C-alpha atoms as a PDB file:
ATOM      1  CA  MET A   1     -10.027 -12.998 -21.593  1.00  0.00           C
ATOM      2  CA  VAL A   2      -6.361 -12.069 -21.123  1.00  0.00           C
ATOM      3  CA  TRP A   3      -5.042  -8.845 -22.736  1.00  0.00           C
ATOM      4  CA  SER A   4      -1.557  -7.534 -22.906  1.00  0.00           C
ATOM      5  CA  GLN A   5      -0.854  -4.131 -21.525  1.00  0.00           C
ATOM      6  CA  THR A   6      -2.759  -1.859 -23.953  1.00  0.00           C
ATOM      7  CA  ALA A   7      -5.122   1.000 -23.641  1.00  0.00           C
ATOM      8  CA  GLY A   8      -8.028  -1.403 -23.917  1.00  0.00           C
ATOM      9  CA  VAL A   9      -6.869  -3.260 -20.595  1.00  0.00           C
ATOM     10  CA  PHE A  10      -6.692  -0.031 -18.776  1.00  0.00           C
ATOM     11  CA  ALA A  11      -9.871   1.312 -20.126  1.00  0.00           C
ATOM     12  CA  GLY A  12     -11.873  -1.837 -19.084  1.00  0.00           C
ATOM     13  CA  LEU A  13     -10.187  -2.452 -15.803  1.00  0.00           C
ATOM     14  CA  ALA A  14      -9.801   1.203 -14.753  1.00  0.00           C
ATOM     15  CA  ALA A  15     -13.587   1.673 -15.611  1.00  0.00           C
ATOM     16  CA  ALA A  16     -14.256  -1.138 -13.227  1.00  0.00           C
ATOM     17  CA  VAL A  17     -12.042   0.213 -10.473  1.00  0.00           C
ATOM     18  CA  LEU A  18     -13.178   3.852 -10.885  1.00  0.00           C
ATOM     19  CA  ALA A  19     -16.752   2.927 -11.153  1.00  0.00           C
ATOM     20  CA  CYS A  20     -16.593   1.727  -7.612  1.00  0.00           C
ATOM     21  CA  GLY A  21     -16.318   5.271  -6.360  1.00  0.00           C
ATOM     22  CA  ALA A  22     -13.481   7.112  -4.500  1.00  0.00           C
ATOM     23  CA  ALA A  23     -15.147   6.575  -1.026  1.00  0.00           C
ATOM     24  CA  HIS A  24     -14.857   2.816  -1.473  1.00  0.00           C
ATOM     25  CA  ALA A  25     -11.503   2.500  -3.152  1.00  0.00           C
ATOM     26  CA  GLN A  26      -8.392   3.528  -1.477  1.00  0.00           C
ATOM     27  CA  ILE A  27      -4.886   2.223  -0.662  1.00  0.00           C
ATOM     28  CA  GLY A  28      -4.078   5.298   1.444  1.00  0.00           C
ATOM     29  CA  ARG A  29      -5.492   8.354   2.911  1.00  0.00           C
ATOM     30  CA  SER A  30      -6.742   9.805  -0.282  1.00  0.00           C
ATOM     31  CA  ASP A  31      -9.874  10.124  -2.516  1.00  0.00           C
ATOM     32  CA  ALA A  32      -7.773  10.199  -5.665  1.00  0.00           C
ATOM     33  CA  PRO A  33      -8.297   7.442  -8.267  1.00  0.00           C
ATOM     34  CA  ILE A  34      -6.193   4.278  -8.123  1.00  0.00           C
ATOM     35  CA  GLU A  35      -3.898   3.700 -11.022  1.00  0.00           C
ATOM     36  CA  ILE A  36      -2.721   0.177 -11.635  1.00  0.00           C
ATOM     37  CA  THR A  37      -0.034  -0.733 -14.087  1.00  0.00           C
ATOM     38  CA  SER A  38       1.344  -4.219 -14.887  1.00  0.00           C
ATOM     39  CA  SER A  39       2.822  -6.397 -17.635  1.00  0.00           C
ATOM     40  CA  GLN A  40      -0.502  -8.222 -18.091  1.00  0.00           C
ATOM     41  CA  ALA A  41      -4.122  -7.993 -16.939  1.00  0.00           C
ATOM     42  CA  SER A  42      -7.248 -10.049 -17.042  1.00  0.00           C
ATOM     43  CA  TYR A  43     -10.724  -9.136 -15.945  1.00  0.00           C
ATOM     44  CA  LEU A  44     -13.199 -11.886 -15.072  1.00  0.00           C
ATOM     45  CA  GLN A  45     -16.318  -9.877 -15.115  1.00  0.00           C
ATOM     46  CA  ASN A  46     -18.675 -12.644 -14.145  1.00  0.00           C
ATOM     47  CA  GLU A  47     -16.474 -13.184 -10.990  1.00  0.00           C
ATOM     48  CA  GLY A  48     -16.095  -9.466 -10.206  1.00  0.00           C
ATOM     49  CA  ARG A  49     -12.239  -9.977 -10.283  1.00  0.00           C
ATOM     50  CA  GLY A  50      -9.326  -8.309 -12.054  1.00  0.00           C
ATOM     51  CA  VAL A  51      -5.896  -9.913 -11.891  1.00  0.00           C
ATOM     52  CA  TYR A  52      -2.707  -8.018 -12.759  1.00  0.00           C
ATOM     53  CA  THR A  53       0.628  -9.760 -12.992  1.00  0.00           C
ATOM     54  CA  GLY A  54       4.323  -8.743 -13.775  1.00  0.00           C
ATOM     55  CA  ASN A  55       5.787  -5.630 -12.083  1.00  0.00           C
ATOM     56  CA  VAL A  56       2.423  -4.418 -10.744  1.00  0.00           C
ATOM     57  CA  VAL A  57       2.301  -1.027  -9.308  1.00  0.00           C
ATOM     58  CA  ALA A  58      -0.941   0.385  -7.642  1.00  0.00           C
ATOM     59  CA  THR A  59      -0.816   4.072  -6.866  1.00  0.00           C
ATOM     60  CA  GLN A  60      -3.295   6.454  -5.126  1.00  0.00           C
ATOM     61  CA  GLY A  61      -2.145   9.838  -4.137  1.00  0.00           C
ATOM     62  CA  ASP A  62       1.005   9.400  -1.967  1.00  0.00           C
ATOM     63  CA  SER A  63       0.501   5.648  -1.331  1.00  0.00           C
ATOM     64  CA  ARG A  64       1.772   2.805  -3.474  1.00  0.00           C
ATOM     65  CA  ILE A  65       1.794  -0.943  -3.491  1.00  0.00           C
ATOM     66  CA  THR A  66       4.269  -2.818  -5.681  1.00  0.00           C
ATOM     67  CA  THR A  67       3.939  -6.632  -6.094  1.00  0.00           C
ATOM     68  CA  ASP A  68       4.195  -9.575  -8.500  1.00  0.00           C
ATOM     69  CA  LYS A  69       0.550 -10.164  -8.655  1.00  0.00           C
ATOM     70  CA  LEU A  70      -2.472  -8.062  -7.597  1.00  0.00           C
ATOM     71  CA  THR A  71      -6.093  -9.251  -7.635  1.00  0.00           C
ATOM     72  CA  VAL A  72      -8.807  -6.774  -7.293  1.00  0.00           C
ATOM     73  CA  ILE A  73     -12.152  -8.228  -5.962  1.00  0.00           C
ATOM     74  CA  CYS A  74     -15.334  -6.257  -6.568  1.00  0.00           C
ATOM     75  CA  GLN A  75     -18.773  -6.513  -4.907  1.00  0.00           C
ATOM     76  CA  THR A  76     -20.932  -7.252  -7.893  1.00  0.00           C
ATOM     77  CA  GLY A  77     -24.493  -6.073  -8.358  1.00  0.00           C
ATOM     78  CA  PRO A  78     -27.286  -8.064 -10.222  1.00  0.00           C
ATOM     79  CA  ALA A  79     -26.738  -8.423 -13.927  1.00  0.00           C
ATOM     80  CA  ALA A  80     -29.155  -6.246 -16.110  1.00  0.00           C
ATOM     81  CA  GLY A  81     -30.839  -7.831 -19.111  1.00  0.00           C
ATOM     82  CA  GLY A  82     -28.378 -10.528 -19.761  1.00  0.00           C
ATOM     83  CA  GLU A  83     -25.265  -8.423 -19.157  1.00  0.00           C
ATOM     84  CA  ALA A  84     -22.511  -9.439 -16.878  1.00  0.00           C
ATOM     85  CA  PRO A  85     -22.638  -8.263 -13.251  1.00  0.00           C
ATOM     86  CA  ALA A  86     -21.189  -4.741 -12.610  1.00  0.00           C
ATOM     87  CA  CYS A  87     -18.595  -3.923 -10.121  1.00  0.00           C
ATOM     88  CA  GLU A  88     -20.335  -1.767  -7.394  1.00  0.00           C
ATOM     89  CA  ALA A  89     -17.543  -1.444  -4.915  1.00  0.00           C
ATOM     90  CA  ILE A  90     -14.074  -2.882  -4.422  1.00  0.00           C
ATOM     91  CA  GLU A  91     -14.090  -5.192  -1.447  1.00  0.00           C
ATOM     92  CA  LYS A  92     -10.462  -6.334  -1.374  1.00  0.00           C
ATOM     93  CA  LEU A  93      -7.008  -6.027  -2.971  1.00  0.00           C
ATOM     94  CA  ILE A  94      -4.805  -9.203  -2.670  1.00  0.00           C
ATOM     95  CA  ALA A  95      -1.094  -8.792  -3.447  1.00  0.00           C
ATOM     96  CA  GLU A  96       1.163 -11.854  -3.728  1.00  0.00           C
ATOM     97  CA  GLY A  97       5.039 -11.922  -4.054  1.00  0.00           C
ATOM     98  CA  ASN A  98       7.557  -9.194  -3.173  1.00  0.00           C
ATOM     99  CA  ILE A  99       5.128  -6.841  -1.593  1.00  0.00           C
ATOM    100  CA  TYR A 100       6.206  -3.231  -0.778  1.00  0.00           C
ATOM    101  CA  TYR A 101       3.647  -0.760   0.607  1.00  0.00           C
ATOM    102  CA  THR A 102       4.815   2.759   0.841  1.00  0.00           C
ATOM    103  CA  ALA A 103       2.829   5.845   2.291  1.00  0.00           C
ATOM    104  CA  PRO A 104       4.076   9.152   3.574  1.00  0.00           C
ATOM    105  CA  ASP A 105       4.294   7.772   7.181  1.00  0.00           C
ATOM    106  CA  VAL A 106       5.106   4.107   6.719  1.00  0.00           C
ATOM    107  CA  ARG A 107       6.929   1.614   4.624  1.00  0.00           C
ATOM    108  CA  ILE A 108       6.097  -2.136   4.932  1.00  0.00           C
ATOM    109  CA  LYS A 109       7.812  -5.097   2.972  1.00  0.00           C
ATOM    110  CA  GLY A 110       6.334  -8.644   3.063  1.00  0.00           C
ATOM    111  CA  ASP A 111       5.450 -11.655   1.040  1.00  0.00           C
ATOM    112  CA  ARG A 112       1.500 -11.399   0.855  1.00  0.00           C
ATOM    113  CA  ALA A 113      -0.934  -8.544   1.561  1.00  0.00           C
ATOM    114  CA  SER A 114      -4.565  -8.134   1.779  1.00  0.00           C
ATOM    115  CA  TYR A 115      -6.241  -4.732   1.799  1.00  0.00           C
ATOM    116  CA  ASP A 116      -9.848  -4.893   3.060  1.00  0.00           C
ATOM    117  CA  TYR A 117     -11.779  -1.845   2.093  1.00  0.00           C
ATOM    118  CA  PRO A 118     -14.767  -2.108   4.536  1.00  0.00           C
ATOM    119  CA  THR A 119     -12.299  -2.000   7.475  1.00  0.00           C
ATOM    120  CA  ASP A 120      -9.655   0.179   5.809  1.00  0.00           C
ATOM    121  CA  THR A 121      -7.063  -2.429   6.842  1.00  0.00           C
ATOM    122  CA  ILE A 122      -4.093  -3.895   5.148  1.00  0.00           C
ATOM    123  CA  THR A 123      -2.592  -7.142   6.533  1.00  0.00           C
ATOM    124  CA  ILE A 124       0.933  -8.126   5.302  1.00  0.00           C
ATOM    125  CA  THR A 125       2.453 -11.416   6.176  1.00  0.00           C
ATOM    126  CA  GLY A 126       5.636 -13.286   5.574  1.00  0.00           C
ATOM    127  CA  ASP A 127       9.031 -11.965   6.657  1.00  0.00           C
ATOM    128  CA  VAL A 128       7.676  -8.558   7.301  1.00  0.00           C
ATOM    129  CA  ILE A 129       9.791  -5.335   7.833  1.00  0.00           C
ATOM    130  CA  LEU A 130       8.112  -2.054   8.782  1.00  0.00           C
ATOM    131  CA  SER A 131       9.820   1.321   9.112  1.00  0.00           C
ATOM    132  CA  ARG A 132       8.568   4.878   9.840  1.00  0.00           C
ATOM    133  CA  GLY A 133      11.090   7.450   8.708  1.00  0.00           C
ATOM    134  CA  ALA A 134      14.056   7.668  11.076  1.00  0.00           C
ATOM    135  CA  ASP A 135      12.012   6.175  13.980  1.00  0.00           C
ATOM    136  CA  GLY A 136      13.424   2.731  13.523  1.00  0.00           C
ATOM    137  CA  VAL A 137      12.634  -0.659  12.018  1.00  0.00           C
ATOM    138  CA  VAL A 138      10.254  -3.593  13.273  1.00  0.00           C
ATOM    139  CA  ARG A 139      10.386  -7.158  12.057  1.00  0.00           C
ATOM    140  CA  GLY A 140       7.762  -9.687  12.527  1.00  0.00           C
ATOM    141  CA  LYS A 141       5.571 -12.272  10.726  1.00  0.00           C
ATOM    142  CA  GLN A 142       2.385 -10.189  10.405  1.00  0.00           C
ATOM    143  CA  VAL A 143       1.688  -6.503  10.291  1.00  0.00           C
ATOM    144  CA  VAL A 144      -2.031  -5.263  10.428  1.00  0.00           C
ATOM    145  CA  TYR A 145      -2.077  -1.555   9.417  1.00  0.00           C
ATOM    146  CA  LYS A 146      -5.333   0.389  10.026  1.00  0.00           C
ATOM    147  CA  VAL A 147      -4.762   2.980   7.436  1.00  0.00           C
ATOM    148  CA  GLY A 148      -7.228   5.623   8.505  1.00  0.00           C
ATOM    149  CA  GLU A 149      -6.205   5.323  12.165  1.00  0.00           C
ATOM    150  CA  GLY A 150      -2.470   5.227  11.544  1.00  0.00           C
ATOM    151  CA  ARG A 151      -2.423   2.115  14.000  1.00  0.00           C
ATOM    152  CA  THR A 152      -0.074  -0.789  13.405  1.00  0.00           C
ATOM    153  CA  ILE A 153      -0.117  -4.155  15.113  1.00  0.00           C
ATOM    154  CA  ILE A 154       2.931  -6.408  14.713  1.00  0.00           C
ATOM    155  CA  THR A 155       2.996 -10.066  15.596  1.00  0.00           C
ATOM    156  CA  GLY A 156       5.506 -12.809  15.541  1.00  0.00           C
ATOM    157  CA  THR A 157       5.346 -16.533  16.177  1.00  0.00           C
ATOM    158  CA  PRO A 158       6.525 -18.473  19.209  1.00  0.00           C
ATOM    159  CA  ASN A 159       9.771 -19.108  17.435  1.00  0.00           C
ATOM    160  CA  ASP A 160      10.066 -15.746  15.542  1.00  0.00           C
ATOM    161  CA  ARG A 161       9.435 -12.993  17.903  1.00  0.00           C
ATOM    162  CA  VAL A 162       8.942  -9.318  16.919  1.00  0.00           C
ATOM    163  CA  THR A 163      12.145  -7.469  16.702  1.00  0.00           C
ATOM    164  CA  SER A 164      12.364  -3.737  16.980  1.00  0.00           C
ATOM    165  CA  ILE A 165      15.529  -1.595  16.358  1.00  0.00           C
ATOM    166  CA  PHE A 166      15.322   2.134  17.355  1.00  0.00           C
ATOM    167  CA  THR A 167      18.052   4.708  17.242  1.00  0.00           C
ATOM    168  CA  PRO A 168      17.773   7.005  20.220  1.00  0.00           C
ATOM    169  CA  ALA A 169      18.306  10.731  19.708  1.00  0.00           C
ATOM    170  CA  SER A 170      21.590  12.008  21.141  1.00  0.00           C
ATOM    171  CA  ARG A 171      21.453  12.878  24.809  1.00  0.00           C
ATOM    172  CA  ASN A 172      24.252  15.431  24.342  1.00  0.00           C
ATOM    173  CA  PRO A 173      23.066  18.961  23.545  1.00  0.00           C
ATOM    174  CA  PRO A 174      24.378  20.335  20.237  1.00  0.00           C
ATOM    175  CA  ALA A 175      27.552  22.182  20.645  1.00  0.00           C
ATOM    176  CA  SER A 176      27.230  25.920  21.123  1.00  0.00           C
ATOM    177  CA  PRO A 177      28.844  27.837  18.252  1.00  0.00           C
ATOM    178  CA  ALA A 178      32.312  29.375  19.164  1.00  0.00           C
ATOM    179  CA  PRO A 179      31.891  33.124  19.864  1.00  0.00           C
ATOM    180  CA  ALA A 180      32.920  35.256  16.887  1.00  0.00           C
ATOM    181  CA  PRO A 181      36.414  36.772  17.217  1.00  0.00           C
ATOM    182  CA  SER A 182      36.269  40.434  18.391  1.00  0.00           C
ATOM    183  CA  ALA A 183      37.537  42.987  15.952  1.00  0.00           C
ATOM    184  CA  PRO A 184      40.943  44.515  16.778  1.00  0.00           C
ATOM    185  CA  SER A 185      40.713  47.707  18.483  1.00  0.00           C
ATOM    186  CA  GLY A 186      42.116  50.831  16.811  1.00  0.00           C
ATOM    187  CA  ASN A 187      44.072  52.143  19.850  1.00  0.00           C
END
């Protein structure tokens, strides 16, 4: 069933996401609930899958993923008495098209992303650009970011190597302020 962006969509899909529990659902270092907004959403309950399309924004605390399409894959439990299986825990988020992941300590841009909940790892591929504040920019073909550890692994290909650009801090010490002029003597 496909619904347009209404309260019914968010009630059903948010319930599935939130029912998974904060400990099993995060896109950053937060136990806050995940809020997903999009132009359209569909929930395939029998498959344990929610698909969001059109200007998708998933936010949790200070972390955010924007993309063209986001698929939420749930681990489903057995169906009770003829009902559809329930989402017990989120296993994976898959983002496709114009990926932009931001958190307080990192910004990553790419073409496709997969966030694996059991390992707390986001893998972003394509023409990837990563930056950390004023520390510099790194380009590669794949970034594996272990969120809880704050560890990042960037790889290239034999033809497209990893490129890093860093701006070193100035080696010259800051100039000392000029001494204040002395007051004229009253002699």
